[in-house]
Amino acid sequence: MFEGVLPALITPFKKDDSIDENGFRENVSFVETGGISGIVSCGTTGESATLSTAEHEQLIDISVDCANVHVVVGTGSNNTAEAVELTKYADDAGVDGALLISPYYNKPNNAGLIKHFKAIAESVDIPLLLYNVPTRTSQDMPLEVIFELSKVDNIVGIKEASGNLDKVTQIIENTADGDFSVISGDDGLTLPIITLGGSAVISVVANIVPQKMVDLYNAAKSGDISTARNIHYELAPLIRALFNETNPIPVKRAAGLIGLASGPLRLPLAPISSDNERILIDALKNIGALNG
């Protein structure tokens, strides 16, 4: 399941700040035309931090209903009980897997991290992915914690967004004898992570140019490094433009510019600056995603 390209979907909102359900469905159809293998909703890119529990459940249900590919949903929290309940809801809804961010703000010790994820794993049967993103959580999940959790039957992989390729290497090296996937959580590091043995990418840029990221992944996976490298450098300016400001500020603007459902951001996020918007528009034009 955890192979290929899985866009980390934005959550489009209407002017009244409610979820744009039809727009979300249209966006899923758009990325599916690019040959993706799955979608990830209710994640950081989907503004999960400002979704109510009811909205979170609404998006889970819509994702399962409309997708023709694997559905993975973010159900993590820094409140273990809340994460358990949301993950159980996702399991009952029929998702294919759940993505669990490392608890933010609390900064638990190793024992707390292990107990947190094991409590969630014991509550459901679906495959679970750990999510290590220190820039969001202020805590880099220690290797010894990852190795211990990789032994749990339904913890089947990790989305690695630490930016540390040596850490990626050590995870793959030390879990090679098991069924544990390492997934790129950084668009710009997809090529090296796949060549090191990573299995997939959960991608922001795939919201905008899904076929390009699929082509990069397929080339890297098949060993056609020359082609993969060319696509990597073709995508690089757009990837940089999508992360000039806090994700998902730029990607939601990019989605709107190319005609996808987007809508407003939710506070405390504010619209992209005019300087960064110009950089974004140039990058979209250069890659052929925006005419004019």
C-alpha atoms as a PDB file:
ATOM      1  CA  MET A   1       0.000   0.000   0.000  1.00  0.00           C
ATOM      2  CA  PHE A   2       2.663   2.498   0.994  1.00  0.00           C
ATOM      3  CA  GLU A   3       4.355   2.800  -2.369  1.00  0.00           C
ATOM      4  CA  GLY A   4       4.264   5.498  -5.004  1.00  0.00           C
ATOM      5  CA  VAL A   5       3.053   9.065  -4.626  1.00  0.00           C
ATOM      6  CA  LEU A   6       0.425  10.073  -2.077  1.00  0.00           C
ATOM      7  CA  PRO A   7      -0.518  13.771  -2.214  1.00  0.00           C
ATOM      8  CA  ALA A   8      -0.901  15.449   1.155  1.00  0.00           C
ATOM      9  CA  LEU A   9      -4.172  17.113   0.216  1.00  0.00           C
ATOM     10  CA  ILE A  10      -5.217  20.652   1.003  1.00  0.00           C
ATOM     11  CA  THR A  11      -8.632  21.226   2.575  1.00  0.00           C
ATOM     12  CA  PRO A  12     -10.620  23.685   0.468  1.00  0.00           C
ATOM     13  CA  PHE A  13     -12.944  25.980   2.395  1.00  0.00           C
ATOM     14  CA  LYS A  14     -15.927  28.062   1.302  1.00  0.00           C
ATOM     15  CA  LYS A  15     -16.260  31.763   2.007  1.00  0.00           C
ATOM     16  CA  ASP A  16     -18.304  30.928   5.100  1.00  0.00           C
ATOM     17  CA  ASP A  17     -15.322  28.867   6.373  1.00  0.00           C
ATOM     18  CA  SER A  18     -17.092  25.513   5.974  1.00  0.00           C
ATOM     19  CA  ILE A  19     -15.448  22.624   4.131  1.00  0.00           C
ATOM     20  CA  ASP A  20     -15.939  22.751   0.368  1.00  0.00           C
ATOM     21  CA  GLU A  21     -16.958  19.107  -0.051  1.00  0.00           C
ATOM     22  CA  ASN A  22     -17.526  19.282  -3.810  1.00  0.00           C
ATOM     23  CA  GLY A  23     -14.239  21.083  -4.252  1.00  0.00           C
ATOM     24  CA  PHE A  24     -12.416  18.447  -2.227  1.00  0.00           C
ATOM     25  CA  ARG A  25     -13.904  15.708  -4.401  1.00  0.00           C
ATOM     26  CA  GLU A  26     -12.848  17.564  -7.562  1.00  0.00           C
ATOM     27  CA  ASN A  27      -9.313  17.952  -6.223  1.00  0.00           C
ATOM     28  CA  VAL A  28      -9.134  14.215  -5.520  1.00  0.00           C
ATOM     29  CA  SER A  29     -10.221  13.498  -9.092  1.00  0.00           C
ATOM     30  CA  PHE A  30      -7.543  15.882 -10.359  1.00  0.00           C
ATOM     31  CA  VAL A  31      -4.665  14.234  -8.513  1.00  0.00           C
ATOM     32  CA  GLU A  32      -5.917  10.767  -9.429  1.00  0.00           C
ATOM     33  CA  THR A  33      -5.498  11.615 -13.119  1.00  0.00           C
ATOM     34  CA  GLY A  34      -1.782  11.965 -12.418  1.00  0.00           C
ATOM     35  CA  GLY A  35      -1.353   8.295 -11.553  1.00  0.00           C
ATOM     36  CA  ILE A  36      -1.010   8.620  -7.792  1.00  0.00           C
ATOM     37  CA  SER A  37      -1.256   5.524  -5.608  1.00  0.00           C
ATOM     38  CA  GLY A  38      -3.080   7.086  -2.664  1.00  0.00           C
ATOM     39  CA  ILE A  39      -4.202  10.252  -0.924  1.00  0.00           C
ATOM     40  CA  VAL A  40      -3.506  11.650   2.524  1.00  0.00           C
ATOM     41  CA  SER A  41      -6.176  13.897   3.990  1.00  0.00           C
ATOM     42  CA  CYS A  42      -6.486  15.614   7.372  1.00  0.00           C
ATOM     43  CA  GLY A  43      -2.744  16.211   7.555  1.00  0.00           C
ATOM     44  CA  THR A  44      -0.663  19.325   8.094  1.00  0.00           C
ATOM     45  CA  THR A  45      -1.240  20.405   4.491  1.00  0.00           C
ATOM     46  CA  GLY A  46      -4.968  19.941   5.108  1.00  0.00           C
ATOM     47  CA  GLU A  47      -4.887  22.417   8.031  1.00  0.00           C
ATOM     48  CA  SER A  48      -5.722  19.651  10.485  1.00  0.00           C
ATOM     49  CA  ALA A  49      -4.763  21.854  13.437  1.00  0.00           C
ATOM     50  CA  THR A  50      -7.816  24.042  12.820  1.00  0.00           C
ATOM     51  CA  LEU A  51     -10.308  21.297  11.953  1.00  0.00           C
ATOM     52  CA  SER A  52     -12.912  20.477  14.582  1.00  0.00           C
ATOM     53  CA  THR A  53     -13.435  16.823  15.475  1.00  0.00           C
ATOM     54  CA  ALA A  54     -16.676  16.840  13.479  1.00  0.00           C
ATOM     55  CA  GLU A  55     -14.909  18.310  10.441  1.00  0.00           C
ATOM     56  CA  HIS A  56     -12.104  15.797  10.792  1.00  0.00           C
ATOM     57  CA  GLU A  57     -14.643  12.992  10.721  1.00  0.00           C
ATOM     58  CA  GLN A  58     -16.447  14.645   7.795  1.00  0.00           C
ATOM     59  CA  LEU A  59     -13.253  14.717   5.735  1.00  0.00           C
ATOM     60  CA  ILE A  60     -12.460  11.104   6.603  1.00  0.00           C
ATOM     61  CA  ASP A  61     -15.891  10.051   5.353  1.00  0.00           C
ATOM     62  CA  ILE A  62     -15.623  12.112   2.163  1.00  0.00           C
ATOM     63  CA  SER A  63     -12.142  10.745   1.444  1.00  0.00           C
ATOM     64  CA  VAL A  64     -13.284   7.138   1.752  1.00  0.00           C
ATOM     65  CA  ASP A  65     -16.355   7.821  -0.368  1.00  0.00           C
ATOM     66  CA  CYS A  66     -14.719   9.621  -3.280  1.00  0.00           C
ATOM     67  CA  ALA A  67     -11.225   8.171  -3.677  1.00  0.00           C
ATOM     68  CA  ASN A  68     -10.389   5.406  -6.138  1.00  0.00           C
ATOM     69  CA  VAL A  69      -6.958   4.928  -4.580  1.00  0.00           C
ATOM     70  CA  HIS A  70      -5.703   4.074  -1.094  1.00  0.00           C
ATOM     71  CA  VAL A  71      -6.899   6.471   1.607  1.00  0.00           C
ATOM     72  CA  VAL A  72      -4.616   7.452   4.483  1.00  0.00           C
ATOM     73  CA  VAL A  73      -5.818  10.009   7.014  1.00  0.00           C
ATOM     74  CA  GLY A  74      -4.072  11.986   9.690  1.00  0.00           C
ATOM     75  CA  THR A  75      -5.404  11.043  13.118  1.00  0.00           C
ATOM     76  CA  GLY A  76      -2.543  12.064  15.374  1.00  0.00           C
ATOM     77  CA  SER A  77      -2.714  14.343  18.385  1.00  0.00           C
ATOM     78  CA  ASN A  78      -0.662  15.362  21.385  1.00  0.00           C
ATOM     79  CA  ASN A  79      -3.558  13.972  23.440  1.00  0.00           C
ATOM     80  CA  THR A  80      -3.317  10.181  23.339  1.00  0.00           C
ATOM     81  CA  ALA A  81      -6.984   9.612  24.150  1.00  0.00           C
ATOM     82  CA  GLU A  82      -8.034  11.962  21.348  1.00  0.00           C
ATOM     83  CA  ALA A  83      -5.720  10.209  18.877  1.00  0.00           C
ATOM     84  CA  VAL A  84      -7.129   6.831  19.877  1.00  0.00           C
ATOM     85  CA  GLU A  85     -10.723   7.949  19.331  1.00  0.00           C
ATOM     86  CA  LEU A  86     -10.003   9.592  15.974  1.00  0.00           C
ATOM     87  CA  THR A  87      -8.011   6.598  14.746  1.00  0.00           C
ATOM     88  CA  LYS A  88     -10.822   4.260  15.804  1.00  0.00           C
ATOM     89  CA  TYR A  89     -13.272   6.434  13.864  1.00  0.00           C
ATOM     90  CA  ALA A  90     -11.044   6.224  10.791  1.00  0.00           C
ATOM     91  CA  ASP A  91     -10.792   2.448  11.147  1.00  0.00           C
ATOM     92  CA  ASP A  92     -14.571   2.133  11.326  1.00  0.00           C
ATOM     93  CA  ALA A  93     -14.953   4.464   8.331  1.00  0.00           C
ATOM     94  CA  GLY A  94     -12.912   2.122   6.152  1.00  0.00           C
ATOM     95  CA  VAL A  95      -9.640   3.958   5.572  1.00  0.00           C
ATOM     96  CA  ASP A  96      -6.595   2.015   4.425  1.00  0.00           C
ATOM     97  CA  GLY A  97      -4.228   3.530   6.959  1.00  0.00           C
ATOM     98  CA  ALA A  98      -3.644   6.350   9.428  1.00  0.00           C
ATOM     99  CA  LEU A  99      -0.785   8.830   9.805  1.00  0.00           C
ATOM    100  CA  LEU A 100       0.229   9.644  13.382  1.00  0.00           C
ATOM    101  CA  ILE A 101       2.253  12.765  14.056  1.00  0.00           C
ATOM    102  CA  SER A 102       4.634  12.652  16.997  1.00  0.00           C
ATOM    103  CA  PRO A 103       3.041  14.464  19.970  1.00  0.00           C
ATOM    104  CA  TYR A 104       3.745  18.173  19.672  1.00  0.00           C
ATOM    105  CA  TYR A 105       4.215  20.654  22.525  1.00  0.00           C
ATOM    106  CA  ASN A 106       4.212  17.986  25.274  1.00  0.00           C
ATOM    107  CA  LYS A 107       7.735  16.778  24.296  1.00  0.00           C
ATOM    108  CA  PRO A 108       7.354  13.329  25.920  1.00  0.00           C
ATOM    109  CA  ASN A 109      10.359  11.206  26.835  1.00  0.00           C
ATOM    110  CA  ASN A 110      11.125   7.972  24.985  1.00  0.00           C
ATOM    111  CA  ALA A 111       8.924   5.877  27.243  1.00  0.00           C
ATOM    112  CA  GLY A 112       6.025   8.278  26.729  1.00  0.00           C
ATOM    113  CA  LEU A 113       6.428   8.235  22.952  1.00  0.00           C
ATOM    114  CA  ILE A 114       6.432   4.441  22.854  1.00  0.00           C
ATOM    115  CA  LYS A 115       3.396   4.143  25.128  1.00  0.00           C
ATOM    116  CA  HIS A 116       1.529   6.801  23.114  1.00  0.00           C
ATOM    117  CA  PHE A 117       1.918   5.032  19.781  1.00  0.00           C
ATOM    118  CA  LYS A 118       1.384   1.556  21.225  1.00  0.00           C
ATOM    119  CA  ALA A 119      -1.880   2.689  22.826  1.00  0.00           C
ATOM    120  CA  ILE A 120      -3.140   3.840  19.433  1.00  0.00           C
ATOM    121  CA  ALA A 121      -1.892   0.694  17.679  1.00  0.00           C
ATOM    122  CA  GLU A 122      -3.626  -1.561  20.203  1.00  0.00           C
ATOM    123  CA  SER A 123      -6.961   0.189  19.622  1.00  0.00           C
ATOM    124  CA  VAL A 124      -7.254  -0.534  15.880  1.00  0.00           C
ATOM    125  CA  ASP A 125      -6.425  -3.089  13.206  1.00  0.00           C
ATOM    126  CA  ILE A 126      -5.501  -0.747  10.327  1.00  0.00           C
ATOM    127  CA  PRO A 127      -1.882  -0.091   9.286  1.00  0.00           C
ATOM    128  CA  LEU A 128      -0.331   2.927  10.979  1.00  0.00           C
ATOM    129  CA  LEU A 129       2.425   5.280   9.890  1.00  0.00           C
ATOM    130  CA  LEU A 130       4.545   7.257  12.310  1.00  0.00           C
ATOM    131  CA  TYR A 131       5.208  10.863  11.288  1.00  0.00           C
ATOM    132  CA  ASN A 132       8.462  12.514  12.301  1.00  0.00           C
ATOM    133  CA  VAL A 133       8.511  16.245  11.523  1.00  0.00           C
ATOM    134  CA  PRO A 134      10.689  18.074  14.066  1.00  0.00           C
ATOM    135  CA  THR A 135      10.025  21.537  12.579  1.00  0.00           C
ATOM    136  CA  ARG A 136       6.389  21.121  13.633  1.00  0.00           C
ATOM    137  CA  THR A 137       6.748  19.193  16.879  1.00  0.00           C
ATOM    138  CA  SER A 138      10.034  20.596  18.264  1.00  0.00           C
ATOM    139  CA  GLN A 139      11.105  17.008  18.887  1.00  0.00           C
ATOM    140  CA  ASP A 140      13.030  14.699  16.566  1.00  0.00           C
ATOM    141  CA  MET A 141      11.756  11.169  17.170  1.00  0.00           C
ATOM    142  CA  PRO A 142      14.803   9.214  18.433  1.00  0.00           C
ATOM    143  CA  LEU A 143      16.055   6.266  16.425  1.00  0.00           C
ATOM    144  CA  GLU A 144      15.689   3.888  19.352  1.00  0.00           C
ATOM    145  CA  VAL A 145      12.000   4.818  19.612  1.00  0.00           C
ATOM    146  CA  ILE A 146      11.464   4.238  15.885  1.00  0.00           C
ATOM    147  CA  PHE A 147      13.224   0.867  16.050  1.00  0.00           C
ATOM    148  CA  GLU A 148      11.119  -0.235  19.024  1.00  0.00           C
ATOM    149  CA  LEU A 149       7.862   0.858  17.396  1.00  0.00           C
ATOM    150  CA  SER A 150       8.789  -0.840  14.107  1.00  0.00           C
ATOM    151  CA  LYS A 151       8.317  -4.144  15.941  1.00  0.00           C
ATOM    152  CA  VAL A 152       4.614  -3.428  16.533  1.00  0.00           C
ATOM    153  CA  ASP A 153       2.584  -5.456  14.031  1.00  0.00           C
ATOM    154  CA  ASN A 154       0.379  -2.693  12.655  1.00  0.00           C
ATOM    155  CA  ILE A 155       2.944   0.123  12.816  1.00  0.00           C
ATOM    156  CA  VAL A 156       4.189  -0.441   9.298  1.00  0.00           C
ATOM    157  CA  GLY A 157       6.260   2.603   8.424  1.00  0.00           C
ATOM    158  CA  ILE A 158       7.302   6.179   9.024  1.00  0.00           C
ATOM    159  CA  LYS A 159       6.891   9.418   7.139  1.00  0.00           C
ATOM    160  CA  GLU A 160      10.326  10.962   7.607  1.00  0.00           C
ATOM    161  CA  ALA A 161      10.467  14.738   7.376  1.00  0.00           C
ATOM    162  CA  SER A 162      13.513  15.456   9.528  1.00  0.00           C
ATOM    163  CA  GLY A 163      15.615  16.382   6.487  1.00  0.00           C
ATOM    164  CA  ASN A 164      18.352  14.090   7.800  1.00  0.00           C
ATOM    165  CA  LEU A 165      19.436  11.574   5.156  1.00  0.00           C
ATOM    166  CA  ASP A 166      21.770   9.824   7.587  1.00  0.00           C
ATOM    167  CA  LYS A 167      18.781   9.197   9.834  1.00  0.00           C
ATOM    168  CA  VAL A 168      16.811   7.840   6.860  1.00  0.00           C
ATOM    169  CA  THR A 169      19.736   5.535   6.096  1.00  0.00           C
ATOM    170  CA  GLN A 170      19.869   4.230   9.663  1.00  0.00           C
ATOM    171  CA  ILE A 171      16.117   3.585   9.778  1.00  0.00           C
ATOM    172  CA  ILE A 172      16.204   1.606   6.523  1.00  0.00           C
ATOM    173  CA  GLU A 173      19.386  -0.195   7.581  1.00  0.00           C
ATOM    174  CA  ASN A 174      17.988  -1.265  10.943  1.00  0.00           C
ATOM    175  CA  THR A 175      14.503  -2.271   9.782  1.00  0.00           C
ATOM    176  CA  ALA A 176      15.521  -4.062   6.584  1.00  0.00           C
ATOM    177  CA  ASP A 177      14.673  -7.511   7.952  1.00  0.00           C
ATOM    178  CA  GLY A 178      11.061  -6.503   8.701  1.00  0.00           C
ATOM    179  CA  ASP A 179       8.069  -5.141   6.825  1.00  0.00           C
ATOM    180  CA  PHE A 180       8.624  -1.463   7.636  1.00  0.00           C
ATOM    181  CA  SER A 181       8.404   1.325   5.063  1.00  0.00           C
ATOM    182  CA  VAL A 182      10.262   4.623   5.053  1.00  0.00           C
ATOM    183  CA  ILE A 183       8.335   7.340   3.238  1.00  0.00           C
ATOM    184  CA  SER A 184       9.709  10.682   2.156  1.00  0.00           C
ATOM    185  CA  GLY A 185       7.998  13.600   3.863  1.00  0.00           C
ATOM    186  CA  ASP A 186      10.080  16.181   1.986  1.00  0.00           C
ATOM    187  CA  ASP A 187       9.361  16.734  -1.714  1.00  0.00           C
ATOM    188  CA  GLY A 188      12.884  17.975  -2.301  1.00  0.00           C
ATOM    189  CA  LEU A 189      14.419  14.824  -0.790  1.00  0.00           C
ATOM    190  CA  THR A 190      12.238  12.317  -2.619  1.00  0.00           C
ATOM    191  CA  LEU A 191      14.929  11.351  -5.129  1.00  0.00           C
ATOM    192  CA  PRO A 192      17.651  10.540  -2.566  1.00  0.00           C
ATOM    193  CA  ILE A 193      15.222   8.842  -0.177  1.00  0.00           C
ATOM    194  CA  ILE A 194      13.843   6.576  -2.903  1.00  0.00           C
ATOM    195  CA  THR A 195      17.343   5.687  -4.084  1.00  0.00           C
ATOM    196  CA  LEU A 196      18.291   4.826  -0.489  1.00  0.00           C
ATOM    197  CA  GLY A 197      15.372   2.393  -0.321  1.00  0.00           C
ATOM    198  CA  GLY A 198      12.395   4.532   0.598  1.00  0.00           C
ATOM    199  CA  SER A 199       9.053   3.202  -0.589  1.00  0.00           C
ATOM    200  CA  ALA A 200       6.925   6.284  -1.242  1.00  0.00           C
ATOM    201  CA  VAL A 201       6.492  10.032  -0.917  1.00  0.00           C
ATOM    202  CA  ILE A 202       3.711  11.918   0.836  1.00  0.00           C
ATOM    203  CA  SER A 203       3.878  14.985  -1.351  1.00  0.00           C
ATOM    204  CA  VAL A 204       2.757  18.608  -1.227  1.00  0.00           C
ATOM    205  CA  VAL A 205       3.782  19.407  -4.807  1.00  0.00           C
ATOM    206  CA  ALA A 206       1.610  16.513  -6.037  1.00  0.00           C
ATOM    207  CA  ASN A 207      -1.430  18.691  -5.265  1.00  0.00           C
ATOM    208  CA  ILE A 208      -0.340  20.844  -8.205  1.00  0.00           C
ATOM    209  CA  VAL A 209       1.631  18.630 -10.611  1.00  0.00           C
ATOM    210  CA  PRO A 210       0.837  15.046  -9.619  1.00  0.00           C
ATOM    211  CA  GLN A 211       2.055  13.508 -12.876  1.00  0.00           C
ATOM    212  CA  LYS A 212       5.494  15.132 -12.516  1.00  0.00           C
ATOM    213  CA  MET A 213       6.015  13.663  -9.058  1.00  0.00           C
ATOM    214  CA  VAL A 214       4.749  10.273 -10.217  1.00  0.00           C
ATOM    215  CA  ASP A 215       7.204  10.383 -13.126  1.00  0.00           C
ATOM    216  CA  LEU A 216      10.062  11.239 -10.774  1.00  0.00           C
ATOM    217  CA  TYR A 217       9.116   8.426  -8.406  1.00  0.00           C
ATOM    218  CA  ASN A 218       8.754   5.847 -11.178  1.00  0.00           C
ATOM    219  CA  ALA A 219      12.083   6.788 -12.739  1.00  0.00           C
ATOM    220  CA  ALA A 220      13.892   6.656  -9.393  1.00  0.00           C
ATOM    221  CA  LYS A 221      12.257   3.373  -8.441  1.00  0.00           C
ATOM    222  CA  SER A 222      13.188   1.756 -11.749  1.00  0.00           C
ATOM    223  CA  GLY A 223      16.794   2.885 -11.486  1.00  0.00           C
ATOM    224  CA  ASP A 224      16.584   5.501 -14.248  1.00  0.00           C
ATOM    225  CA  ILE A 225      18.465   8.031 -12.166  1.00  0.00           C
ATOM    226  CA  SER A 226      19.238  10.334 -15.090  1.00  0.00           C
ATOM    227  CA  THR A 227      15.542  10.858 -15.835  1.00  0.00           C
ATOM    228  CA  ALA A 228      14.686  11.147 -12.147  1.00  0.00           C
ATOM    229  CA  ARG A 229      17.421  13.733 -11.665  1.00  0.00           C
ATOM    230  CA  ASN A 230      16.151  15.809 -14.588  1.00  0.00           C
ATOM    231  CA  ILE A 231      12.623  15.837 -13.169  1.00  0.00           C
ATOM    232  CA  HIS A 232      13.994  16.606  -9.690  1.00  0.00           C
ATOM    233  CA  TYR A 233      15.668  19.764 -11.007  1.00  0.00           C
ATOM    234  CA  GLU A 234      12.599  20.665 -13.059  1.00  0.00           C
ATOM    235  CA  LEU A 235      10.479  20.495  -9.901  1.00  0.00           C
ATOM    236  CA  ALA A 236      13.009  22.165  -7.588  1.00  0.00           C
ATOM    237  CA  PRO A 237      11.977  25.824  -8.170  1.00  0.00           C
ATOM    238  CA  LEU A 238       8.301  24.986  -7.594  1.00  0.00           C
ATOM    239  CA  ILE A 239       9.101  22.989  -4.468  1.00  0.00           C
ATOM    240  CA  ARG A 240      11.089  25.915  -3.079  1.00  0.00           C
ATOM    241  CA  ALA A 241       8.245  28.309  -3.918  1.00  0.00           C
ATOM    242  CA  LEU A 242       5.758  26.050  -2.124  1.00  0.00           C
ATOM    243  CA  PHE A 243       7.829  26.232   1.052  1.00  0.00           C
ATOM    244  CA  ASN A 244       8.837  29.918   1.003  1.00  0.00           C
ATOM    245  CA  GLU A 245       6.189  30.360   3.672  1.00  0.00           C
ATOM    246  CA  THR A 246       4.575  27.985   6.139  1.00  0.00           C
ATOM    247  CA  ASN A 247       2.850  25.060   4.460  1.00  0.00           C
ATOM    248  CA  PRO A 248       0.025  25.123   3.300  1.00  0.00           C
ATOM    249  CA  ILE A 249      -0.009  28.873   2.655  1.00  0.00           C
ATOM    250  CA  PRO A 250       1.737  28.718  -0.753  1.00  0.00           C
ATOM    251  CA  VAL A 251       0.177  25.463  -1.979  1.00  0.00           C
ATOM    252  CA  LYS A 252      -3.347  26.694  -1.305  1.00  0.00           C
ATOM    253  CA  ARG A 253      -2.590  29.820  -3.313  1.00  0.00           C
ATOM    254  CA  ALA A 254      -1.052  27.709  -6.073  1.00  0.00           C
ATOM    255  CA  ALA A 255      -4.151  25.513  -6.159  1.00  0.00           C
ATOM    256  CA  GLY A 256      -6.369  28.546  -6.563  1.00  0.00           C
ATOM    257  CA  LEU A 257      -4.157  29.970  -9.298  1.00  0.00           C
ATOM    258  CA  ILE A 258      -4.412  26.830 -11.426  1.00  0.00           C
ATOM    259  CA  GLY A 259      -8.167  26.521 -10.961  1.00  0.00           C
ATOM    260  CA  LEU A 260      -8.443  23.940  -8.190  1.00  0.00           C
ATOM    261  CA  ALA A 261     -10.717  24.298  -5.181  1.00  0.00           C
ATOM    262  CA  SER A 262      -8.825  26.175  -2.496  1.00  0.00           C
ATOM    263  CA  GLY A 263     -10.632  28.945  -0.665  1.00  0.00           C
ATOM    264  CA  PRO A 264      -9.357  30.885   2.306  1.00  0.00           C
ATOM    265  CA  LEU A 265      -6.846  29.825   4.914  1.00  0.00           C
ATOM    266  CA  ARG A 266      -7.916  29.511   8.497  1.00  0.00           C
ATOM    267  CA  LEU A 267      -6.385  31.764  11.100  1.00  0.00           C
ATOM    268  CA  PRO A 268      -3.758  31.942  12.413  1.00  0.00           C
ATOM    269  CA  LEU A 269      -2.481  31.368   8.855  1.00  0.00           C
ATOM    270  CA  ALA A 270      -2.633  34.434   6.612  1.00  0.00           C
ATOM    271  CA  PRO A 271      -2.325  34.819   2.819  1.00  0.00           C
ATOM    272  CA  ILE A 272       1.030  34.598   1.070  1.00  0.00           C
ATOM    273  CA  SER A 273       3.071  37.779   0.717  1.00  0.00           C
ATOM    274  CA  SER A 274       3.064  39.563  -2.644  1.00  0.00           C
ATOM    275  CA  ASP A 275       6.800  38.925  -3.141  1.00  0.00           C
ATOM    276  CA  ASN A 276       6.469  35.209  -2.538  1.00  0.00           C
ATOM    277  CA  GLU A 277       3.342  35.044  -4.693  1.00  0.00           C
ATOM    278  CA  ARG A 278       5.323  36.430  -7.630  1.00  0.00           C
ATOM    279  CA  ILE A 279       7.971  33.742  -7.109  1.00  0.00           C
ATOM    280  CA  LEU A 280       5.210  31.124  -6.946  1.00  0.00           C
ATOM    281  CA  ILE A 281       3.549  32.356 -10.147  1.00  0.00           C
ATOM    282  CA  ASP A 282       6.869  32.272 -12.012  1.00  0.00           C
ATOM    283  CA  ALA A 283       7.530  28.727 -10.821  1.00  0.00           C
ATOM    284  CA  LEU A 284       4.060  27.591 -11.889  1.00  0.00           C
ATOM    285  CA  LYS A 285       4.511  29.147 -15.325  1.00  0.00           C
ATOM    286  CA  ASN A 286       7.966  27.639 -15.785  1.00  0.00           C
ATOM    287  CA  ILE A 287       6.736  24.120 -15.100  1.00  0.00           C
ATOM    288  CA  GLY A 288       3.688  24.537 -17.336  1.00  0.00           C
ATOM    289  CA  ALA A 289       1.058  24.478 -14.597  1.00  0.00           C
ATOM    290  CA  LEU A 290      -0.097  28.051 -15.254  1.00  0.00           C
ATOM    291  CA  ASN A 291      -0.546  29.776 -18.600  1.00  0.00           C
ATOM    292  CA  GLY A 292       0.034  33.414 -19.376  1.00  0.00           C
END
